[in-house]
Amino acid sequence: MRPAHVLLAVLVAAVWGVNFTVIEVGLGHFPPLLFSALRFLVAALPAVFLVGPPKVAWKWIVGVGLALGVAKFGLLFIGMDVGMPGGLSSLVLQIQAVFTALFAVALLGERPTRVRVAGMAVALAGIGVAAVDEGASGPLTGFALVVAAAACWGVSNILTRKASPPDSLNFMIWVSTVPVLPLLALSLLLEGWSADLAALRSLDWSGAGTVLYVAWGATVFGFGAWGWLLHRHPASTVAPFSLLVPVFGMTSAALFLGESITPLRWSRVPRAPEGVVQRRSRLQGAPQGAERTVPRAHRTVLGRDQSAGFACVVGPGRVDLLG
């Protein structure tokens, strides 16, 4: 990768990591479901008029929109609203890769290798350690909601695998149109129109800035830049940079929100910078083309936002977990 492309990959990881801190700030301005609805509304408009028509069937757009937009982000925002720290959320959401693998086995008939099973076991053990730590310092309800959000993300990854969208940015923009009305309806039902109206009436530059960041920064820029990099480099070269997301997430939460980072939490953070360097070093020493495990024409980026930015690459008959 060119130095400029490396910097862009690090920037995307930073944007996705800091996004968790921005969400925490935004939750001080909006009820969680309303905040999530506004995020998707601003991400979809006016971008939906610029990316062209959807390139996959509407059933996949609706399915992913409900699983990812309504379920995953609704649970994530509520979990953070009831006390789950943003930095820890950026780490716990990595469990989505385990859920994706489990759902791929159950629904797609895939058979994970022993190495992947061992990796999932280590990940689950890490989440258990994080749960013990959170139970000693905060509400387990928020932790459980974020884990449930990761499971919903896994469902959306499988649906995206079935959809196989050729353009990840186009797909995400159209997916963003789906959750707006359901989230608004749930917000009115569960949070109340008076709370929503009060939040909108008291909207200031800080609140508006959080909506713009999570919508245009984490979604439009993040997914656009990530897809641009994947079109120019092998997925196995780009994906390791997603390991930096929880590093930026936990660090930004500590710097800007004063969130404490216990030794147990730091112990669960991947050695991301070292991992990126080692991964790229191994690829540089590999035979040309050996790292391209999925043909470029069949790659699709999965993942969020989205608030997190971990990714999978999908190809015919497989799901490769990359974050």
Protein backbone atom coordinates (compact mmCIF):
# COMPACT_ATOMS: atom_id res chain seq x y z
CA MET A 1 0.00 0.00 0.00
CA ARG A 2 1.12 3.52 -0.71
CA PRO A 3 1.78 5.66 2.39
CA ALA A 4 -1.25 7.80 1.55
CA HIS A 5 -3.45 4.71 1.42
CA VAL A 6 -2.08 3.48 4.75
CA LEU A 7 -2.90 6.85 6.28
CA LEU A 8 -6.41 6.67 4.82
CA ALA A 9 -6.95 3.20 6.33
CA VAL A 10 -5.76 4.44 9.74
CA LEU A 11 -8.00 7.51 9.40
CA VAL A 12 -11.05 5.33 8.73
CA ALA A 13 -10.25 3.21 11.79
CA ALA A 14 -9.88 6.39 13.85
CA VAL A 15 -13.19 7.78 12.59
CA TRP A 16 -14.95 4.52 13.45
CA GLY A 17 -13.28 4.31 16.87
CA VAL A 18 -13.99 7.91 17.87
CA ASN A 19 -17.56 7.32 16.70
CA PHE A 20 -18.30 5.54 19.98
CA THR A 21 -17.30 8.61 21.94
CA VAL A 22 -19.45 10.78 19.67
CA ILE A 23 -22.40 8.46 20.26
CA GLU A 24 -22.01 8.92 24.01
CA VAL A 25 -22.08 12.68 23.55
CA GLY A 26 -25.10 12.43 21.26
CA LEU A 27 -27.00 10.36 23.81
CA GLY A 28 -26.80 13.37 26.08
CA HIS A 29 -28.87 15.27 23.50
CA PHE A 30 -31.30 12.67 22.17
CA PRO A 31 -33.19 9.59 23.35
CA PRO A 32 -31.33 6.57 21.93
CA LEU A 33 -33.90 5.40 19.39
CA LEU A 34 -34.51 8.92 18.10
CA PHE A 35 -30.75 9.45 17.81
CA SER A 36 -30.40 6.25 15.79
CA ALA A 37 -33.29 7.26 13.52
CA LEU A 38 -31.72 10.67 12.86
CA ARG A 39 -28.40 9.01 12.12
CA PHE A 40 -29.90 6.89 9.35
CA LEU A 41 -32.04 9.72 8.02
CA VAL A 42 -29.04 12.01 7.58
CA ALA A 43 -26.91 9.16 6.18
CA ALA A 44 -29.56 8.39 3.56
CA LEU A 45 -30.38 11.95 2.54
CA PRO A 46 -29.30 13.35 0.17
CA ALA A 47 -26.84 10.53 -0.59
CA VAL A 48 -29.58 8.19 -1.83
CA PHE A 49 -30.11 10.53 -4.79
CA LEU A 50 -26.42 10.42 -5.69
CA VAL A 51 -25.48 6.73 -5.55
CA GLY A 52 -27.90 5.47 -8.18
CA PRO A 53 -30.61 2.81 -7.85
CA PRO A 54 -30.11 -0.21 -5.58
CA LYS A 55 -28.09 -3.02 -7.14
CA VAL A 56 -29.61 -5.90 -5.16
CA ALA A 57 -33.16 -7.08 -4.52
CA TRP A 58 -35.23 -5.05 -2.08
CA LYS A 59 -35.75 -8.07 0.18
CA TRP A 60 -32.06 -7.95 1.10
CA ILE A 61 -32.05 -4.20 1.62
CA VAL A 62 -35.08 -4.44 3.91
CA GLY A 63 -33.70 -7.47 5.75
CA VAL A 64 -30.33 -5.89 6.44
CA GLY A 65 -31.96 -2.56 7.26
CA LEU A 66 -34.08 -4.19 9.96
CA ALA A 67 -31.36 -6.45 11.37
CA LEU A 68 -28.56 -3.90 11.25
CA GLY A 69 -30.33 -0.56 11.48
CA VAL A 70 -33.26 -1.26 13.78
CA ALA A 71 -32.07 -4.22 15.88
CA LYS A 72 -28.31 -3.80 16.04
CA PHE A 73 -28.10 -0.04 16.39
CA GLY A 74 -31.22 0.23 18.46
CA LEU A 75 -29.79 -2.22 21.00
CA LEU A 76 -26.34 -0.62 20.86
CA PHE A 77 -27.63 2.89 21.47
CA ILE A 78 -29.95 1.75 24.27
CA GLY A 79 -27.16 -0.28 25.84
CA MET A 80 -24.84 2.72 25.85
CA ASP A 81 -27.65 4.93 27.11
CA VAL A 82 -28.19 2.72 30.17
CA GLY A 83 -24.53 2.79 31.10
CA MET A 84 -22.35 0.70 28.80
CA PRO A 85 -19.15 2.73 28.25
CA GLY A 86 -18.42 3.72 24.68
CA GLY A 87 -14.83 2.49 24.72
CA LEU A 88 -15.79 -0.91 26.05
CA SER A 89 -18.64 -1.09 23.52
CA SER A 90 -16.13 -0.67 20.69
CA LEU A 91 -14.29 -3.73 22.04
CA VAL A 92 -17.28 -5.95 22.87
CA LEU A 93 -18.82 -5.47 19.42
CA GLN A 94 -15.92 -7.47 17.98
CA ILE A 95 -17.85 -10.53 19.10
CA GLN A 96 -19.94 -10.01 15.95
CA ALA A 97 -17.30 -12.01 14.08
CA VAL A 98 -18.02 -15.02 16.30
CA PHE A 99 -21.78 -14.68 15.83
CA THR A 100 -21.29 -14.37 12.07
CA ALA A 101 -19.26 -17.59 12.00
CA LEU A 102 -21.83 -19.44 14.13
CA PHE A 103 -24.73 -18.27 11.96
CA ALA A 104 -22.77 -19.21 8.82
CA VAL A 105 -22.45 -22.75 10.18
CA ALA A 106 -26.12 -22.96 11.17
CA LEU A 107 -27.67 -21.23 8.17
CA LEU A 108 -25.20 -21.62 5.33
CA GLY A 109 -23.79 -25.04 6.19
CA GLU A 110 -20.22 -23.76 6.40
CA ARG A 111 -17.61 -25.69 8.36
CA PRO A 112 -15.07 -23.60 10.26
CA THR A 113 -11.47 -24.75 10.48
CA ARG A 114 -9.90 -25.76 13.78
CA VAL A 115 -7.92 -22.55 13.82
CA ARG A 116 -11.10 -20.50 13.44
CA VAL A 117 -12.85 -22.49 16.18
CA ALA A 118 -9.90 -21.86 18.49
CA GLY A 119 -10.01 -18.18 17.62
CA MET A 120 -13.73 -18.01 18.43
CA ALA A 121 -13.10 -19.72 21.77
CA VAL A 122 -10.45 -17.15 22.64
CA ALA A 123 -12.79 -14.33 21.63
CA LEU A 124 -15.60 -15.71 23.78
CA ALA A 125 -13.22 -16.05 26.73
CA GLY A 126 -12.20 -12.43 26.22
CA ILE A 127 -15.81 -11.30 26.27
CA GLY A 128 -16.30 -13.28 29.47
CA VAL A 129 -13.40 -11.45 31.08
CA ALA A 130 -14.88 -8.14 29.92
CA ALA A 131 -18.27 -9.15 31.39
CA VAL A 132 -16.68 -9.86 34.77
CA ASP A 133 -14.94 -6.50 34.66
CA GLU A 134 -18.11 -4.66 33.67
CA GLY A 135 -20.10 -6.45 36.35
CA ALA A 136 -17.72 -5.07 38.93
CA SER A 137 -17.92 -1.49 37.66
CA GLY A 138 -21.20 -0.97 35.79
CA PRO A 139 -24.63 -2.37 34.85
CA LEU A 140 -24.65 -5.76 33.18
CA THR A 141 -27.86 -4.81 31.36
CA GLY A 142 -25.99 -2.45 29.07
CA PHE A 143 -23.31 -5.08 28.48
CA ALA A 144 -25.93 -7.69 27.56
CA LEU A 145 -27.64 -5.28 25.16
CA VAL A 146 -24.35 -4.61 23.34
CA VAL A 147 -23.68 -8.35 23.05
CA ALA A 148 -27.22 -8.75 21.64
CA ALA A 149 -26.43 -5.93 19.20
CA ALA A 150 -23.36 -7.86 18.06
CA ALA A 151 -25.56 -10.92 17.47
CA CYS A 152 -27.93 -8.87 15.32
CA TRP A 153 -24.92 -7.58 13.40
CA GLY A 154 -24.00 -11.20 12.76
CA VAL A 155 -27.48 -11.81 11.30
CA SER A 156 -27.08 -8.78 9.03
CA ASN A 157 -23.70 -10.08 7.87
CA ILE A 158 -25.30 -13.35 6.78
CA LEU A 159 -28.06 -11.50 4.96
CA THR A 160 -25.45 -9.34 3.23
CA ARG A 161 -23.59 -12.52 2.33
CA LYS A 162 -26.73 -13.79 0.60
CA ALA A 163 -27.32 -10.45 -1.10
CA SER A 164 -23.70 -10.18 -2.39
CA PRO A 165 -23.97 -6.46 -3.24
CA PRO A 166 -21.46 -5.36 -5.89
CA ASP A 167 -21.17 -1.84 -4.44
CA SER A 168 -20.88 -1.62 -0.64
CA LEU A 169 -21.46 2.15 -0.43
CA ASN A 170 -24.55 2.02 -2.63
CA PHE A 171 -25.83 -0.87 -0.53
CA MET A 172 -25.25 0.91 2.81
CA ILE A 173 -26.93 4.10 1.64
CA TRP A 174 -30.04 2.22 0.53
CA VAL A 175 -30.00 0.12 3.70
CA SER A 176 -29.98 3.40 5.65
CA THR A 177 -33.38 4.32 4.21
CA VAL A 178 -35.05 1.32 5.85
CA PRO A 179 -34.60 1.88 9.63
CA VAL A 180 -35.76 5.51 9.76
CA LEU A 181 -39.51 4.99 10.05
CA PRO A 182 -39.36 1.86 12.29
CA LEU A 183 -36.94 3.60 14.66
CA LEU A 184 -39.08 6.73 14.76
CA ALA A 185 -42.17 4.62 15.51
CA LEU A 186 -40.36 2.75 18.29
CA SER A 187 -39.07 6.01 19.70
CA LEU A 188 -42.55 7.51 19.84
CA LEU A 189 -43.89 4.32 21.42
CA LEU A 190 -41.14 3.68 23.97
CA GLU A 191 -39.51 7.05 24.56
CA GLY A 192 -42.57 9.26 24.09
CA TRP A 193 -43.30 12.09 21.73
CA SER A 194 -42.70 14.65 24.50
CA ALA A 195 -39.11 13.46 25.02
CA ASP A 196 -38.47 13.42 21.27
CA LEU A 197 -39.99 16.85 20.79
CA ALA A 198 -38.02 18.28 23.70
CA ALA A 199 -34.77 16.91 22.24
CA LEU A 200 -35.48 18.41 18.83
CA ARG A 201 -36.52 21.76 20.29
CA SER A 202 -33.31 21.99 22.33
CA LEU A 203 -31.10 20.97 19.42
CA ASP A 204 -27.83 22.89 19.45
CA TRP A 205 -24.59 22.80 17.46
CA SER A 206 -23.19 20.05 19.64
CA GLY A 207 -26.19 17.77 19.12
CA ALA A 208 -26.32 18.49 15.39
CA GLY A 209 -22.60 17.79 15.15
CA THR A 210 -22.98 14.34 16.67
CA VAL A 211 -25.67 13.43 14.14
CA LEU A 212 -23.55 14.67 11.24
CA TYR A 213 -20.50 12.78 12.48
CA VAL A 214 -22.18 9.39 12.95
CA ALA A 215 -24.05 9.76 9.64
CA TRP A 216 -21.61 11.38 7.23
CA GLY A 217 -18.34 10.60 8.98
CA ALA A 218 -18.75 7.04 10.20
CA THR A 219 -21.14 5.87 7.48
CA VAL A 220 -20.74 7.81 4.24
CA PHE A 221 -17.02 8.62 4.52
CA GLY A 222 -16.08 5.50 6.46
CA PHE A 223 -17.74 2.99 4.18
CA GLY A 224 -16.91 4.95 1.05
CA ALA A 225 -13.19 5.13 1.88
CA TRP A 226 -13.07 1.51 3.08
CA GLY A 227 -14.70 0.30 -0.12
CA TRP A 228 -12.33 2.47 -2.18
CA LEU A 229 -9.33 0.85 -0.47
CA LEU A 230 -10.72 -2.65 -1.01
CA HIS A 231 -11.10 -1.97 -4.71
CA ARG A 232 -7.39 -1.13 -4.91
CA HIS A 233 -5.81 -3.57 -2.45
CA PRO A 234 -6.38 -7.19 -1.36
CA ALA A 235 -8.88 -7.49 1.47
CA SER A 236 -6.29 -9.29 3.58
CA THR A 237 -4.11 -6.18 3.36
CA VAL A 238 -6.83 -3.67 4.26
CA ALA A 239 -8.81 -5.61 6.87
CA PRO A 240 -6.12 -5.75 9.62
CA PHE A 241 -6.45 -1.98 10.02
CA SER A 242 -9.90 -2.61 11.54
CA LEU A 243 -8.02 -3.95 14.59
CA LEU A 244 -7.24 -0.32 15.38
CA VAL A 245 -10.93 0.57 15.93
CA PRO A 246 -11.17 -0.49 19.61
CA VAL A 247 -7.80 1.13 20.28
CA PHE A 248 -9.10 4.47 19.02
CA GLY A 249 -12.47 3.82 20.68
CA MET A 250 -11.11 3.18 24.16
CA THR A 251 -8.42 5.86 23.92
CA SER A 252 -10.80 8.58 22.73
CA ALA A 253 -13.32 7.68 25.44
CA ALA A 254 -10.58 7.96 28.06
CA LEU A 255 -9.28 11.29 26.71
CA PHE A 256 -12.55 13.10 26.00
CA LEU A 257 -15.00 11.48 28.41
CA GLY A 258 -12.72 10.48 31.27
CA GLU A 259 -13.73 6.84 30.89
CA SER A 260 -11.57 4.56 32.99
CA ILE A 261 -9.74 1.73 31.31
CA THR A 262 -9.00 -1.09 33.69
CA PRO A 263 -6.11 -3.52 33.15
CA LEU A 264 -8.65 -6.24 32.30
CA ARG A 265 -10.12 -4.10 29.52
CA TRP A 266 -6.74 -3.27 28.05
CA SER A 267 -5.83 -6.96 28.18
CA ARG A 268 -8.71 -7.68 25.79
CA VAL A 269 -7.61 -5.11 23.22
CA PRO A 270 -5.78 -6.78 20.32
CA ARG A 271 -2.15 -5.81 19.87
CA ALA A 272 -3.43 -3.92 16.89
CA PRO A 273 -0.46 -1.86 15.67
CA GLU A 274 1.84 -4.88 15.95
CA GLY A 275 -0.76 -7.07 14.27
CA VAL A 276 -1.12 -4.69 11.33
CA VAL A 277 2.65 -4.52 10.84
CA GLN A 278 3.12 -8.27 11.12
CA ARG A 279 0.21 -9.01 8.77
CA ARG A 280 1.54 -6.62 6.15
CA SER A 281 5.07 -8.04 6.55
CA ARG A 282 3.81 -11.58 5.96
CA LEU A 283 1.92 -10.46 2.87
CA GLN A 284 4.96 -8.68 1.47
CA GLY A 285 6.91 -11.94 1.77
CA ALA A 286 4.17 -14.08 0.25
CA PRO A 287 4.05 -15.07 -3.42
CA GLN A 288 2.34 -12.53 -5.59
CA GLY A 289 -1.43 -13.01 -5.51
CA ALA A 290 -1.31 -15.49 -2.63
CA GLU A 291 -3.13 -13.14 -0.30
CA ARG A 292 -6.11 -12.80 -2.62
CA THR A 293 -8.27 -15.48 -1.13
CA VAL A 294 -11.43 -14.01 -2.67
CA PRO A 295 -11.57 -12.66 -6.24
CA ARG A 296 -11.87 -8.89 -6.19
CA ALA A 297 -15.02 -8.98 -8.27
CA HIS A 298 -16.76 -11.02 -5.57
CA ARG A 299 -15.68 -9.05 -2.49
CA THR A 300 -18.19 -7.30 -0.29
CA VAL A 301 -17.46 -5.33 2.83
CA LEU A 302 -19.67 -6.09 5.80
CA GLY A 303 -19.86 -4.29 9.05
CA ARG A 304 -21.05 -0.99 10.30
CA ASP A 305 -21.17 1.82 10.48
CA GLN A 306 -21.22 2.12 11.06
CA SER A 307 -20.45 2.51 14.60
CA ALA A 308 -17.84 0.08 14.56
CA GLY A 309 -16.30 -0.64 11.26
CA PHE A 310 -15.13 -4.19 11.57
CA ALA A 311 -15.43 -6.07 8.35
CA CYS A 312 -15.97 -9.34 6.65
CA VAL A 313 -15.25 -10.19 3.06
CA VAL A 314 -17.69 -12.47 1.34
CA GLY A 315 -17.32 -14.50 -1.81
CA PRO A 316 -19.16 -17.34 -3.43
CA GLY A 317 -19.73 -20.01 -0.78
CA ARG A 318 -17.75 -18.40 2.03
CA VAL A 319 -17.60 -15.74 4.70
CA ASP A 320 -14.15 -14.53 5.71
CA LEU A 321 -14.07 -12.80 9.10
CA LEU A 322 -11.62 -9.95 9.17
CA GLY A 323 -12.10 -8.04 12.34
